[in-house]
């Protein structure tokens, strides 16, 4: 299952601090594997969106009909409340 990043998520990834970047990048790659064993949770009240928290960064994504993972944003907990209303 490929992982697609929205242009906003790509920009968010560029802002991830150097110490956290490798872990976030690894988690993004793992999203595309069936056996990833990641601790994914639904984004309550915003289905079908889900979140994966890595080093304080919330990866907001959903599964597309063809099975690909679509990452909309990579934000901090504080930013999450601001961006959820824009999810489509």
Protein backbone atom coordinates (compact mmCIF):
# COMPACT_ATOMS: atom_id res chain seq x y z
CA UNK A 1 0.00 0.00 0.00
CA UNK A 2 1.66 3.23 -1.10
CA UNK A 3 1.70 6.26 1.18
CA UNK A 4 0.71 9.57 -0.44
CA UNK A 5 1.60 12.86 1.21
CA UNK A 6 -0.50 15.95 0.65
CA UNK A 7 1.64 19.00 -0.23
CA UNK A 8 0.79 20.40 3.21
CA UNK A 9 2.08 17.19 4.84
CA UNK A 10 5.28 17.48 2.79
CA UNK A 11 5.73 21.03 4.08
CA UNK A 12 4.98 19.84 7.62
CA UNK A 13 7.63 17.13 7.26
CA UNK A 14 10.20 19.75 6.28
CA UNK A 15 9.53 21.46 9.64
CA UNK A 16 10.05 18.33 11.78
CA UNK A 17 13.14 18.75 13.95
CA UNK A 18 16.25 16.90 12.92
CA UNK A 19 16.24 14.49 15.91
CA UNK A 20 12.63 13.42 15.19
CA UNK A 21 12.80 13.42 11.39
CA UNK A 22 14.13 9.85 10.98
CA UNK A 23 11.48 8.40 13.32
CA UNK A 24 8.65 10.24 11.59
CA UNK A 25 9.95 9.21 8.17
CA UNK A 26 10.20 5.57 9.35
CA UNK A 27 6.59 5.69 10.63
CA UNK A 28 5.42 7.06 7.28
CA UNK A 29 7.12 4.19 5.47
CA UNK A 30 5.60 1.70 7.92
CA UNK A 31 2.09 3.02 7.20
CA UNK A 32 2.36 1.41 3.80
CA UNK A 33 2.93 -2.09 5.19
CA UNK A 34 0.23 -4.44 6.41
CA UNK A 35 2.39 -5.85 9.20
CA UNK A 36 3.50 -2.51 10.60
CA UNK A 37 1.98 -3.02 14.07
CA UNK A 38 1.61 0.72 14.57
CA UNK A 39 -0.47 2.26 17.34
CA UNK A 40 -3.05 3.95 15.13
CA UNK A 41 -6.19 5.54 16.59
CA UNK A 42 -9.28 7.02 14.97
CA UNK A 43 -9.47 10.81 14.97
CA UNK A 44 -12.56 11.04 17.11
CA UNK A 45 -15.41 12.91 15.46
CA UNK A 46 -13.58 13.09 12.14
CA UNK A 47 -13.98 9.66 10.58
CA UNK A 48 -12.44 8.26 8.37
CA UNK A 49 -9.36 10.12 9.60
CA UNK A 50 -6.85 8.39 11.85
CA UNK A 51 -3.76 9.50 13.77
CA UNK A 52 -0.38 8.02 14.52
CA UNK A 53 1.69 9.82 17.16
CA UNK A 54 5.47 9.75 16.71
CA UNK A 55 7.77 11.78 18.97
CA UNK A 56 5.07 14.38 19.62
CA UNK A 57 4.11 14.67 15.96
CA UNK A 58 0.58 13.66 14.99
CA UNK A 59 0.43 12.05 11.55
CA UNK A 60 -3.14 12.58 10.31
CA UNK A 61 -4.12 10.15 7.57
CA UNK A 62 -6.88 8.05 6.04
CA UNK A 63 -7.08 4.98 3.86
CA UNK A 64 -8.20 5.68 0.31
CA UNK A 65 -10.66 3.34 -1.46
CA UNK A 66 -7.83 1.72 -3.44
CA UNK A 67 -5.99 0.97 -0.17
CA UNK A 68 -3.33 3.69 -0.31
CA UNK A 69 -2.63 5.71 2.82
CA UNK A 70 -3.20 9.45 2.33
CA UNK A 71 -1.35 11.66 4.83
CA UNK A 72 -3.01 15.06 5.10
CA UNK A 73 -0.88 16.68 7.81
CA UNK A 74 1.96 16.11 10.27
CA UNK A 75 1.37 18.44 13.20
CA UNK A 76 1.91 18.87 16.92
CA UNK A 77 -0.90 18.25 19.41
CA UNK A 78 -1.42 21.99 19.75
CA UNK A 79 -1.81 22.40 15.96
CA UNK A 80 -4.18 19.44 15.66
CA UNK A 81 -7.22 21.33 16.97
CA UNK A 82 -6.64 24.04 14.35
CA UNK A 83 -6.35 21.74 11.32
CA UNK A 84 -9.07 19.12 11.94
CA UNK A 85 -11.89 21.29 10.62
CA UNK A 86 -10.09 21.60 7.27
CA UNK A 87 -9.90 17.84 6.70
CA UNK A 88 -11.90 16.65 3.73
